[in-house]
Amino acid sequence: MTRGRFYGVRGMVYGLAAVILPTLMIAHPHSAASQTMLSCAGRSDVVKFLDRNFTEKLTAVGLINQNSVLEVYAAKSGTWTLVVTDVHGISCILLSGDGWDTMPALPGLAT
């Protein structure tokens, strides 16, 4: 890895952390006690936890990079959870909230 590329990647990571961490602290709707209830675990354990406690199902998925995937779990009740899973099968809950609303596909828009 070249020196310039290393600093570019490190800068992107620091920039991402500078945006995500304050957002998590400000926007998270639950108390500090509930935030520590579950943070990271094996993906199957996280999926079971979300299904059993909130009836949340996988709603959307996106590739973050070659090492991680972003997953959105949502329930008909409107609760939702944002999860990141790495290549080792470890999932971390980033955010959760209420009021999820799935938008219908627009005509002519490929999904």
PDB file of N, CA and C in Angstrom:
ATOM      1  N   MET A   1       0.855  -1.174   0.000  1.00  0.00           N
ATOM      2  CA  MET A   1       0.000   0.000   0.000  1.00  0.00           C
ATOM      3  C   MET A   1       0.896   1.229   0.000  1.00  0.00           C
ATOM      4  N   THR A   2       0.619   2.159  -0.865  1.00  0.00           N
ATOM      5  CA  THR A   2       1.428   3.364  -0.934  1.00  0.00           C
ATOM      6  C   THR A   2       1.081   4.299   0.215  1.00  0.00           C
ATOM      7  N   ARG A   3       2.027   5.156   0.547  1.00  0.00           N
ATOM      8  CA  ARG A   3       1.835   6.075   1.665  1.00  0.00           C
ATOM      9  C   ARG A   3       0.639   7.004   1.440  1.00  0.00           C
ATOM     10  N   GLY A   4       0.473   7.535   0.243  1.00  0.00           N
ATOM     11  CA  GLY A   4      -0.644   8.432  -0.054  1.00  0.00           C
ATOM     12  C   GLY A   4      -1.987   7.725   0.066  1.00  0.00           C
ATOM     13  N   ARG A   5      -2.041   6.490  -0.405  1.00  0.00           N
ATOM     14  CA  ARG A   5      -3.291   5.731  -0.323  1.00  0.00           C
ATOM     15  C   ARG A   5      -3.642   5.430   1.130  1.00  0.00           C
ATOM     16  N   PHE A   6      -2.638   5.094   1.952  1.00  0.00           N
ATOM     17  CA  PHE A   6      -2.872   4.808   3.366  1.00  0.00           C
ATOM     18  C   PHE A   6      -3.464   6.014   4.069  1.00  0.00           C
ATOM     19  N   TYR A   7      -2.896   7.181   3.837  1.00  0.00           N
ATOM     20  CA  TYR A   7      -3.419   8.384   4.487  1.00  0.00           C
ATOM     21  C   TYR A   7      -4.806   8.739   3.981  1.00  0.00           C
ATOM     22  N   GLY A   8      -5.092   8.453   2.701  1.00  0.00           N
ATOM     23  CA  GLY A   8      -6.420   8.708   2.161  1.00  0.00           C
ATOM     24  C   GLY A   8      -7.469   7.827   2.822  1.00  0.00           C
ATOM     25  N   VAL A   9      -7.162   6.539   3.003  1.00  0.00           N
ATOM     26  CA  VAL A   9      -8.084   5.617   3.660  1.00  0.00           C
ATOM     27  C   VAL A   9      -8.268   6.005   5.115  1.00  0.00           C
ATOM     28  N   ARG A  10      -7.174   6.320   5.779  1.00  0.00           N
ATOM     29  CA  ARG A  10      -7.260   6.721   7.185  1.00  0.00           C
ATOM     30  C   ARG A  10      -8.090   7.989   7.328  1.00  0.00           C
ATOM     31  N   GLY A  11      -7.924   8.912   6.412  1.00  0.00           N
ATOM     32  CA  GLY A  11      -8.708  10.143   6.445  1.00  0.00           C
ATOM     33  C   GLY A  11     -10.192   9.877   6.259  1.00  0.00           C
ATOM     34  N   MET A  12     -10.519   8.928   5.356  1.00  0.00           N
ATOM     35  CA  MET A  12     -11.926   8.577   5.152  1.00  0.00           C
ATOM     36  C   MET A  12     -12.507   7.934   6.409  1.00  0.00           C
ATOM     37  N   VAL A  13     -11.732   7.063   7.056  1.00  0.00           N
ATOM     38  CA  VAL A  13     -12.214   6.408   8.279  1.00  0.00           C
ATOM     39  C   VAL A  13     -12.437   7.443   9.377  1.00  0.00           C
ATOM     40  N   TYR A  14     -11.485   8.351   9.555  1.00  0.00           N
ATOM     41  CA  TYR A  14     -11.642   9.392  10.574  1.00  0.00           C
ATOM     42  C   TYR A  14     -12.829  10.295  10.259  1.00  0.00           C
ATOM     43  N   GLY A  15     -13.007  10.633   8.983  1.00  0.00           N
ATOM     44  CA  GLY A  15     -14.130  11.475   8.591  1.00  0.00           C
ATOM     45  C   GLY A  15     -15.456  10.785   8.843  1.00  0.00           C
ATOM     46  N   LEU A  16     -15.528   9.491   8.513  1.00  0.00           N
ATOM     47  CA  LEU A  16     -16.747   8.726   8.749  1.00  0.00           C
ATOM     48  C   LEU A  16     -17.042   8.639  10.243  1.00  0.00           C
ATOM     49  N   ALA A  17     -16.024   8.375  11.043  1.00  0.00           N
ATOM     50  CA  ALA A  17     -16.209   8.301  12.496  1.00  0.00           C
ATOM     51  C   ALA A  17     -16.650   9.658  13.051  1.00  0.00           C
ATOM     52  N   ALA A  18     -16.110  10.739  12.500  1.00  0.00           N
ATOM     53  CA  ALA A  18     -16.469  12.076  12.973  1.00  0.00           C
ATOM     54  C   ALA A  18     -17.927  12.406  12.688  1.00  0.00           C
ATOM     55  N   VAL A  19     -18.501  11.787  11.673  1.00  0.00           N
ATOM     56  CA  VAL A  19     -19.908  12.011  11.348  1.00  0.00           C
ATOM     57  C   VAL A  19     -20.805  11.057  12.120  1.00  0.00           C
ATOM     58  N   ILE A  20     -20.442   9.775  12.135  1.00  0.00           N
ATOM     59  CA  ILE A  20     -21.311   8.753  12.726  1.00  0.00           C
ATOM     60  C   ILE A  20     -21.385   8.857  14.249  1.00  0.00           C
ATOM     61  N   LEU A  21     -20.268   9.001  14.924  1.00  0.00           N
ATOM     62  CA  LEU A  21     -20.285   8.982  16.392  1.00  0.00           C
ATOM     63  C   LEU A  21     -21.147  10.092  17.002  1.00  0.00           C
ATOM     64  N   PRO A  22     -21.006  11.350  16.593  1.00  0.00           N
ATOM     65  CA  PRO A  22     -21.898  12.368  17.162  1.00  0.00           C
ATOM     66  C   PRO A  22     -23.360  12.122  16.806  1.00  0.00           C
ATOM     67  N   THR A  23     -23.604  11.632  15.582  1.00  0.00           N
ATOM     68  CA  THR A  23     -24.977  11.340  15.177  1.00  0.00           C
ATOM     69  C   THR A  23     -25.574  10.265  16.062  1.00  0.00           C
ATOM     70  N   LEU A  24     -24.801   9.227  16.340  1.00  0.00           N
ATOM     71  CA  LEU A  24     -25.294   8.158  17.203  1.00  0.00           C
ATOM     72  C   LEU A  24     -25.634   8.683  18.596  1.00  0.00           C
ATOM     73  N   MET A  25     -24.795   9.541  19.119  1.00  0.00           N
ATOM     74  CA  MET A  25     -25.014  10.050  20.474  1.00  0.00           C
ATOM     75  C   MET A  25     -26.210  10.999  20.529  1.00  0.00           C
ATOM     76  N   ILE A  26     -26.404  11.788  19.493  1.00  0.00           N
ATOM     77  CA  ILE A  26     -27.481  12.778  19.490  1.00  0.00           C
ATOM     78  C   ILE A  26     -28.807  12.162  19.066  1.00  0.00           C
ATOM     79  N   ALA A  27     -28.788  11.351  18.024  1.00  0.00           N
ATOM     80  CA  ALA A  27     -30.027  10.894  17.401  1.00  0.00           C
ATOM     81  C   ALA A  27     -30.610   9.633  18.015  1.00  0.00           C
ATOM     82  N   HIS A  28     -29.848   8.919  18.810  1.00  0.00           N
ATOM     83  CA  HIS A  28     -30.376   7.659  19.334  1.00  0.00           C
ATOM     84  C   HIS A  28     -31.511   7.942  20.311  1.00  0.00           C
ATOM     85  N   PRO A  29     -32.700   7.383  20.046  1.00  0.00           N
ATOM     86  CA  PRO A  29     -33.883   7.752  20.819  1.00  0.00           C
ATOM     87  C   PRO A  29     -34.028   7.065  22.169  1.00  0.00           C
ATOM     88  N   HIS A  30     -33.131   6.168  22.505  1.00  0.00           N
ATOM     89  CA  HIS A  30     -33.288   5.402  23.736  1.00  0.00           C
ATOM     90  C   HIS A  30     -32.284   5.844  24.793  1.00  0.00           C
ATOM     91  N   SER A  31     -32.537   5.437  26.022  1.00  0.00           N
ATOM     92  CA  SER A  31     -31.640   5.794  27.125  1.00  0.00           C
ATOM     93  C   SER A  31     -30.308   5.071  26.989  1.00  0.00           C
ATOM     94  N   ALA A  32     -29.315   5.534  27.735  1.00  0.00           N
ATOM     95  CA  ALA A  32     -27.998   4.907  27.704  1.00  0.00           C
ATOM     96  C   ALA A  32     -28.075   3.452  28.135  1.00  0.00           C
ATOM     97  N   ALA A  33     -28.952   3.117  29.071  1.00  0.00           N
ATOM     98  CA  ALA A  33     -29.076   1.733  29.531  1.00  0.00           C
ATOM     99  C   ALA A  33     -29.534   0.818  28.401  1.00  0.00           C
ATOM    100  N   SER A  34     -30.482   1.253  27.588  1.00  0.00           N
ATOM    101  CA  SER A  34     -30.954   0.398  26.505  1.00  0.00           C
ATOM    102  C   SER A  34     -29.936   0.318  25.375  1.00  0.00           C
ATOM    103  N   GLN A  35     -29.092   1.317  25.212  1.00  0.00           N
ATOM    104  CA  GLN A  35     -28.074   1.286  24.176  1.00  0.00           C
ATOM    105  C   GLN A  35     -27.055   0.191  24.435  1.00  0.00           C
ATOM    106  N   THR A  36     -26.796  -0.128  25.690  1.00  0.00           N
ATOM    107  CA  THR A  36     -25.797  -1.129  26.014  1.00  0.00           C
ATOM    108  C   THR A  36     -26.370  -2.534  26.071  1.00  0.00           C
ATOM    109  N   MET A  37     -27.684  -2.681  25.864  1.00  0.00           N
ATOM    110  CA  MET A  37     -28.330  -3.979  25.945  1.00  0.00           C
ATOM    111  C   MET A  37     -27.713  -4.958  24.948  1.00  0.00           C
ATOM    112  N   LEU A  38     -27.492  -4.550  23.723  1.00  0.00           N
ATOM    113  CA  LEU A  38     -26.894  -5.388  22.704  1.00  0.00           C
ATOM    114  C   LEU A  38     -26.159  -4.488  21.741  1.00  0.00           C
ATOM    115  N   SER A  39     -24.874  -4.729  21.558  1.00  0.00           N
ATOM    116  CA  SER A  39     -24.170  -3.918  20.584  1.00  0.00           C
ATOM    117  C   SER A  39     -23.612  -4.785  19.469  1.00  0.00           C
ATOM    118  N   CYS A  40     -22.810  -5.792  19.782  1.00  0.00           N
ATOM    119  CA  CYS A  40     -22.238  -6.669  18.766  1.00  0.00           C
ATOM    120  C   CYS A  40     -22.348  -8.121  19.204  1.00  0.00           C
ATOM    121  N   ALA A  41     -22.619  -8.989  18.244  1.00  0.00           N
ATOM    122  CA  ALA A  41     -22.705 -10.431  18.492  1.00  0.00           C
ATOM    123  C   ALA A  41     -22.663 -11.127  17.138  1.00  0.00           C
ATOM    124  N   GLY A  42     -22.716 -12.436  17.154  1.00  0.00           N
ATOM    125  CA  GLY A  42     -22.799 -13.182  15.908  1.00  0.00           C
ATOM    126  C   GLY A  42     -24.067 -12.793  15.157  1.00  0.00           C
ATOM    127  N   ARG A  43     -24.011 -12.781  13.827  1.00  0.00           N
ATOM    128  CA  ARG A  43     -25.147 -12.327  13.033  1.00  0.00           C
ATOM    129  C   ARG A  43     -26.413 -13.105  13.351  1.00  0.00           C
ATOM    130  N   SER A  44     -26.327 -14.428  13.469  1.00  0.00           N
ATOM    131  CA  SER A  44     -27.531 -15.220  13.737  1.00  0.00           C
ATOM    132  C   SER A  44     -28.151 -14.846  15.084  1.00  0.00           C
ATOM    133  N   ASP A  45     -27.327 -14.521  16.073  1.00  0.00           N
ATOM    134  CA  ASP A  45     -27.844 -14.105  17.381  1.00  0.00           C
ATOM    135  C   ASP A  45     -28.552 -12.751  17.287  1.00  0.00           C
ATOM    136  N   VAL A  46     -27.984 -11.826  16.523  1.00  0.00           N
ATOM    137  CA  VAL A  46     -28.589 -10.511  16.368  1.00  0.00           C
ATOM    138  C   VAL A  46     -29.922 -10.631  15.625  1.00  0.00           C
ATOM    139  N   VAL A  47     -29.937 -11.426  14.547  1.00  0.00           N
ATOM    140  CA  VAL A  47     -31.167 -11.609  13.769  1.00  0.00           C
ATOM    141  C   VAL A  47     -32.259 -12.228  14.637  1.00  0.00           C
ATOM    142  N   LYS A  48     -31.904 -13.241  15.433  1.00  0.00           N
ATOM    143  CA  LYS A  48     -32.879 -13.878  16.335  1.00  0.00           C
ATOM    144  C   LYS A  48     -33.388 -12.885  17.375  1.00  0.00           C
ATOM    145  N   PHE A  49     -32.487 -12.078  17.925  1.00  0.00           N
ATOM    146  CA  PHE A  49     -32.861 -11.080  18.924  1.00  0.00           C
ATOM    147  C   PHE A  49     -33.868 -10.083  18.344  1.00  0.00           C
ATOM    148  N   LEU A  50     -33.592  -9.575  17.140  1.00  0.00           N
ATOM    149  CA  LEU A  50     -34.487  -8.602  16.517  1.00  0.00           C
ATOM    150  C   LEU A  50     -35.842  -9.214  16.177  1.00  0.00           C
ATOM    151  N   ASP A  51     -35.839 -10.458  15.739  1.00  0.00           N
ATOM    152  CA  ASP A  51     -37.095 -11.130  15.414  1.00  0.00           C
ATOM    153  C   ASP A  51     -37.904 -11.426  16.672  1.00  0.00           C
ATOM    154  N   ARG A  52     -37.263 -11.975  17.674  1.00  0.00           N
ATOM    155  CA  ARG A  52     -37.942 -12.379  18.903  1.00  0.00           C
ATOM    156  C   ARG A  52     -38.473 -11.180  19.696  1.00  0.00           C
ATOM    157  N   ASN A  53     -37.714 -10.114  19.780  1.00  0.00           N
ATOM    158  CA  ASN A  53     -38.087  -8.980  20.624  1.00  0.00           C
ATOM    159  C   ASN A  53     -38.880  -7.893  19.905  1.00  0.00           C
ATOM    160  N   PHE A  54     -38.708  -7.767  18.582  1.00  0.00           N
ATOM    161  CA  PHE A  54     -39.345  -6.669  17.857  1.00  0.00           C
ATOM    162  C   PHE A  54     -40.066  -7.120  16.589  1.00  0.00           C
ATOM    163  N   THR A  55     -40.023  -8.408  16.281  1.00  0.00           N
ATOM    164  CA  THR A  55     -40.548  -8.982  15.026  1.00  0.00           C
ATOM    165  C   THR A  55     -40.014  -8.247  13.800  1.00  0.00           C
ATOM    166  N   GLU A  56     -38.766  -7.797  13.888  1.00  0.00           N
ATOM    167  CA  GLU A  56     -38.133  -7.108  12.766  1.00  0.00           C
ATOM    168  C   GLU A  56     -37.527  -8.128  11.801  1.00  0.00           C
ATOM    169  N   LYS A  57     -37.725  -7.873  10.518  1.00  0.00           N
ATOM    170  CA  LYS A  57     -37.220  -8.725   9.445  1.00  0.00           C
ATOM    171  C   LYS A  57     -36.303  -7.903   8.542  1.00  0.00           C
ATOM    172  N   LEU A  58     -35.395  -8.585   7.850  1.00  0.00           N
ATOM    173  CA  LEU A  58     -34.492  -7.915   6.923  1.00  0.00           C
ATOM    174  C   LEU A  58     -35.308  -7.226   5.835  1.00  0.00           C
ATOM    175  N   THR A  59     -35.091  -5.921   5.698  1.00  0.00           N
ATOM    176  CA  THR A  59     -35.856  -5.100   4.769  1.00  0.00           C
ATOM    177  C   THR A  59     -34.997  -4.572   3.632  1.00  0.00           C
ATOM    178  N   ALA A  60     -33.750  -4.230   3.936  1.00  0.00           N
ATOM    179  CA  ALA A  60     -32.851  -3.670   2.921  1.00  0.00           C
ATOM    180  C   ALA A  60     -31.421  -4.060   3.264  1.00  0.00           C
ATOM    181  N   VAL A  61     -30.605  -4.134   2.242  1.00  0.00           N
ATOM    182  CA  VAL A  61     -29.203  -4.499   2.431  1.00  0.00           C
ATOM    183  C   VAL A  61     -28.361  -3.741   1.419  1.00  0.00           C
ATOM    184  N   GLY A  62     -27.157  -3.352   1.836  1.00  0.00           N
ATOM    185  CA  GLY A  62     -26.244  -2.643   0.935  1.00  0.00           C
ATOM    186  C   GLY A  62     -24.807  -2.933   1.301  1.00  0.00           C
ATOM    187  N   LEU A  63     -23.960  -2.997   0.315  1.00  0.00           N
ATOM    188  CA  LEU A  63     -22.537  -3.241   0.521  1.00  0.00           C
ATOM    189  C   LEU A  63     -21.855  -1.944   0.934  1.00  0.00           C
ATOM    190  N   ILE A  64     -21.176  -1.971   2.081  1.00  0.00           N
ATOM    191  CA  ILE A  64     -20.423  -0.794   2.530  1.00  0.00           C
ATOM    192  C   ILE A  64     -19.061  -0.786   1.852  1.00  0.00           C
ATOM    193  N   ASN A  65     -18.361  -1.900   1.962  1.00  0.00           N
ATOM    194  CA  ASN A  65     -17.079  -2.109   1.300  1.00  0.00           C
ATOM    195  C   ASN A  65     -16.865  -3.618   1.205  1.00  0.00           C
ATOM    196  N   GLN A  66     -15.689  -4.058   0.822  1.00  0.00           N
ATOM    197  CA  GLN A  66     -15.457  -5.494   0.662  1.00  0.00           C
ATOM    198  C   GLN A  66     -15.454  -6.245   1.991  1.00  0.00           C
ATOM    199  N   ASN A  67     -15.519  -5.536   3.107  1.00  0.00           N
ATOM    200  CA  ASN A  67     -15.463  -6.180   4.413  1.00  0.00           C
ATOM    201  C   ASN A  67     -16.740  -6.077   5.235  1.00  0.00           C
ATOM    202  N   SER A  68     -17.735  -5.322   4.770  1.00  0.00           N
ATOM    203  CA  SER A  68     -18.925  -5.157   5.603  1.00  0.00           C
ATOM    204  C   SER A  68     -20.172  -4.839   4.776  1.00  0.00           C
ATOM    205  N   VAL A  69     -21.307  -5.216   5.377  1.00  0.00           N
ATOM    206  CA  VAL A  69     -22.612  -5.045   4.753  1.00  0.00           C
ATOM    207  C   VAL A  69     -23.511  -4.290   5.723  1.00  0.00           C
ATOM    208  N   LEU A  70     -24.294  -3.374   5.203  1.00  0.00           N
ATOM    209  CA  LEU A  70     -25.279  -2.631   5.983  1.00  0.00           C
ATOM    210  C   LEU A  70     -26.628  -3.315   5.814  1.00  0.00           C
ATOM    211  N   GLU A  71     -27.317  -3.583   6.912  1.00  0.00           N
ATOM    212  CA  GLU A  71     -28.621  -4.233   6.870  1.00  0.00           C
ATOM    213  C   GLU A  71     -29.627  -3.397   7.641  1.00  0.00           C
ATOM    214  N   VAL A  72     -30.835  -3.288   7.104  1.00  0.00           N
ATOM    215  CA  VAL A  72     -31.916  -2.616   7.797  1.00  0.00           C
ATOM    216  C   VAL A  72     -32.977  -3.663   8.108  1.00  0.00           C
ATOM    217  N   TYR A  73     -33.330  -3.763   9.376  1.00  0.00           N
ATOM    218  CA  TYR A  73     -34.396  -4.653   9.834  1.00  0.00           C
ATOM    219  C   TYR A  73     -35.557  -3.771  10.252  1.00  0.00           C
ATOM    220  N   ALA A  74     -36.772  -4.153   9.864  1.00  0.00           N
ATOM    221  CA  ALA A  74     -37.943  -3.347  10.202  1.00  0.00           C
ATOM    222  C   ALA A  74     -39.130  -4.267  10.489  1.00  0.00           C
ATOM    223  N   ALA A  75     -40.065  -3.748  11.275  1.00  0.00           N
ATOM    224  CA  ALA A  75     -41.278  -4.486  11.629  1.00  0.00           C
ATOM    225  C   ALA A  75     -42.490  -3.718  11.123  1.00  0.00           C
ATOM    226  N   LYS A  76     -43.606  -4.422  10.968  1.00  0.00           N
ATOM    227  CA  LYS A  76     -44.852  -3.776  10.551  1.00  0.00           C
ATOM    228  C   LYS A  76     -45.286  -2.714  11.555  1.00  0.00           C
ATOM    229  N   SER A  77     -44.852  -2.857  12.821  1.00  0.00           N
ATOM    230  CA  SER A  77     -45.198  -1.876  13.853  1.00  0.00           C
ATOM    231  C   SER A  77     -44.474  -0.550  13.648  1.00  0.00           C
ATOM    232  N   GLY A  78     -43.426  -0.545  12.796  1.00  0.00           N
ATOM    233  CA  GLY A  78     -42.684   0.681  12.528  1.00  0.00           C
ATOM    234  C   GLY A  78     -41.315   0.751  13.178  1.00  0.00           C
ATOM    235  N   THR A  79     -40.971  -0.213  14.050  1.00  0.00           N
ATOM    236  CA  THR A  79     -39.628  -0.193  14.631  1.00  0.00           C
ATOM    237  C   THR A  79     -38.621  -0.600  13.565  1.00  0.00           C
ATOM    238  N   TRP A  80     -37.394  -0.090  13.684  1.00  0.00           N
ATOM    239  CA  TRP A  80     -36.343  -0.430  12.739  1.00  0.00           C
ATOM    240  C   TRP A  80     -34.996  -0.448  13.445  1.00  0.00           C
ATOM    241  N   THR A  81     -34.070  -1.205  12.875  1.00  0.00           N
ATOM    242  CA  THR A  81     -32.720  -1.319  13.416  1.00  0.00           C
ATOM    243  C   THR A  81     -31.727  -1.339  12.264  1.00  0.00           C
ATOM    244  N   LEU A  82     -30.661  -0.563  12.404  1.00  0.00           N
ATOM    245  CA  LEU A  82     -29.586  -0.492  11.419  1.00  0.00           C
ATOM    246  C   LEU A  82     -28.426  -1.333  11.949  1.00  0.00           C
ATOM    247  N   VAL A  83     -27.994  -2.332  11.159  1.00  0.00           N
ATOM    248  CA  VAL A  83     -26.977  -3.292  11.578  1.00  0.00           C
ATOM    249  C   VAL A  83     -25.861  -3.328  10.542  1.00  0.00           C
ATOM    250  N   VAL A  84     -24.609  -3.420  11.001  1.00  0.00           N
ATOM    251  CA  VAL A  84     -23.466  -3.637  10.116  1.00  0.00           C
ATOM    252  C   VAL A  84     -22.882  -5.002  10.448  1.00  0.00           C
ATOM    253  N   THR A  85     -22.682  -5.821   9.401  1.00  0.00           N
ATOM    254  CA  THR A  85     -22.122  -7.161   9.575  1.00  0.00           C
ATOM    255  C   THR A  85     -20.809  -7.238   8.815  1.00  0.00           C
ATOM    256  N   ASP A  86     -19.777  -7.778   9.486  1.00  0.00           N
ATOM    257  CA  ASP A  86     -18.480  -7.895   8.824  1.00  0.00           C
ATOM    258  C   ASP A  86     -18.305  -9.284   8.211  1.00  0.00           C
ATOM    259  N   VAL A  87     -17.179  -9.494   7.537  1.00  0.00           N
ATOM    260  CA  VAL A  87     -16.929 -10.748   6.833  1.00  0.00           C
ATOM    261  C   VAL A  87     -16.739 -11.932   7.775  1.00  0.00           C
ATOM    262  N   HIS A  88     -16.545 -11.664   9.045  1.00  0.00           N
ATOM    263  CA  HIS A  88     -16.381 -12.728  10.037  1.00  0.00           C
ATOM    264  C   HIS A  88     -17.717 -13.129  10.659  1.00  0.00           C
ATOM    265  N   GLY A  89     -18.807 -12.500  10.218  1.00  0.00           N
ATOM    266  CA  GLY A  89     -20.134 -12.836  10.726  1.00  0.00           C
ATOM    267  C   GLY A  89     -20.497 -12.133  12.015  1.00  0.00           C
ATOM    268  N   ILE A  90     -19.759 -11.079  12.368  1.00  0.00           N
ATOM    269  CA  ILE A  90     -20.076 -10.295  13.562  1.00  0.00           C
ATOM    270  C   ILE A  90     -20.955  -9.119  13.147  1.00  0.00           C
ATOM    271  N   SER A  91     -22.095  -8.981  13.798  1.00  0.00           N
ATOM    272  CA  SER A  91     -23.032  -7.897  13.510  1.00  0.00           C
ATOM    273  C   SER A  91     -23.061  -6.925  14.671  1.00  0.00           C
ATOM    274  N   CYS A  92     -23.094  -5.650  14.344  1.00  0.00           N
ATOM    275  CA  CYS A  92     -23.170  -4.596  15.351  1.00  0.00           C
ATOM    276  C   CYS A  92     -24.388  -3.723  15.064  1.00  0.00           C
ATOM    277  N   ILE A  93     -25.169  -3.482  16.103  1.00  0.00           N
ATOM    278  CA  ILE A  93     -26.323  -2.600  15.982  1.00  0.00           C
ATOM    279  C   ILE A  93     -25.835  -1.163  16.087  1.00  0.00           C
ATOM    280  N   LEU A  94     -26.148  -0.362  15.072  1.00  0.00           N
ATOM    281  CA  LEU A  94     -25.719   1.036  15.058  1.00  0.00           C
ATOM    282  C   LEU A  94     -26.796   1.973  15.558  1.00  0.00           C
ATOM    283  N   LEU A  95     -27.997   1.833  15.028  1.00  0.00           N
ATOM    284  CA  LEU A  95     -29.106   2.705  15.372  1.00  0.00           C
ATOM    285  C   LEU A  95     -30.393   1.912  15.401  1.00  0.00           C
ATOM    286  N   SER A  96     -31.370   2.424  16.136  1.00  0.00           N
ATOM    287  CA  SER A  96     -32.714   1.846  16.099  1.00  0.00           C
ATOM    288  C   SER A  96     -33.704   2.968  16.352  1.00  0.00           C
ATOM    289  N   GLY A  97     -34.933   2.739  15.930  1.00  0.00           N
ATOM    290  CA  GLY A  97     -35.921   3.781  16.125  1.00  0.00           C
ATOM    291  C   GLY A  97     -37.316   3.309  15.782  1.00  0.00           C
ATOM    292  N   ASP A  98     -38.218   4.252  15.669  1.00  0.00           N
ATOM    293  CA  ASP A  98     -39.620   3.989  15.358  1.00  0.00           C
ATOM    294  C   ASP A  98     -40.008   4.780  14.116  1.00  0.00           C
ATOM    295  N   GLY A  99     -41.130   4.410  13.539  1.00  0.00           N
ATOM    296  CA  GLY A  99     -41.683   5.178  12.427  1.00  0.00           C
ATOM    297  C   GLY A  99     -41.152   4.773  11.068  1.00  0.00           C
ATOM    298  N   TRP A 100     -40.678   3.536  10.910  1.00  0.00           N
ATOM    299  CA  TRP A 100     -40.207   3.087   9.596  1.00  0.00           C
ATOM    300  C   TRP A 100     -41.385   2.996   8.651  1.00  0.00           C
ATOM    301  N   ASP A 101     -41.201   3.475   7.437  1.00  0.00           N
ATOM    302  CA  ASP A 101     -42.252   3.415   6.423  1.00  0.00           C
ATOM    303  C   ASP A 101     -41.619   3.007   5.109  1.00  0.00           C
ATOM    304  N   THR A 102     -42.016   1.880   4.585  1.00  0.00           N
ATOM    305  CA  THR A 102     -41.488   1.406   3.311  1.00  0.00           C
ATOM    306  C   THR A 102     -42.178   2.155   2.185  1.00  0.00           C
ATOM    307  N   MET A 103     -41.391   2.691   1.293  1.00  0.00           N
ATOM    308  CA  MET A 103     -41.925   3.462   0.174  1.00  0.00           C
ATOM    309  C   MET A 103     -42.183   2.531  -0.996  1.00  0.00           C
ATOM    310  N   PRO A 104     -43.309   2.718  -1.680  1.00  0.00           N
ATOM    311  CA  PRO A 104     -43.564   1.890  -2.867  1.00  0.00           C
ATOM    312  C   PRO A 104     -42.593   2.242  -3.986  1.00  0.00           C
ATOM    313  N   ALA A 105     -42.308   1.265  -4.842  1.00  0.00           N
ATOM    314  CA  ALA A 105     -41.413   1.510  -5.964  1.00  0.00           C
ATOM    315  C   ALA A 105     -42.071   2.483  -6.935  1.00  0.00           C
ATOM    316  N   LEU A 106     -41.284   3.399  -7.460  1.00  0.00           N
ATOM    317  CA  LEU A 106     -41.786   4.359  -8.437  1.00  0.00           C
ATOM    318  C   LEU A 106     -41.863   3.704  -9.810  1.00  0.00           C
ATOM    319  N   PRO A 107     -42.883   4.004 -10.587  1.00  0.00           N
ATOM    320  CA  PRO A 107     -42.988   3.418 -11.935  1.00  0.00           C
ATOM    321  C   PRO A 107     -41.759   3.768 -12.766  1.00  0.00           C
ATOM    322  N   GLY A 108     -41.212   2.774 -13.425  1.00  0.00           N
ATOM    323  CA  GLY A 108     -40.062   3.000 -14.293  1.00  0.00           C
ATOM    324  C   GLY A 108     -38.732   3.014 -13.579  1.00  0.00           C
ATOM    325  N   LEU A 109     -38.733   2.925 -12.249  1.00  0.00           N
ATOM    326  CA  LEU A 109     -37.486   2.924 -11.488  1.00  0.00           C
ATOM    327  C   LEU A 109     -37.077   1.484 -11.232  1.00  0.00           C
ATOM    328  N   ALA A 110     -35.924   1.084 -11.725  1.00  0.00           N
ATOM    329  CA  ALA A 110     -35.437  -0.276 -11.521  1.00  0.00           C
ATOM    330  C   ALA A 110     -35.044  -0.466 -10.073  1.00  0.00           C
ATOM    331  N   THR A 111     -35.460  -1.590  -9.495  1.00  0.00           N
ATOM    332  CA  THR A 111     -35.101  -1.876  -8.100  1.00  0.00           C
ATOM    333  C   THR A 111     -34.148  -3.015  -8.004  1.00  0.00           C
TER     334      THR A 111
END
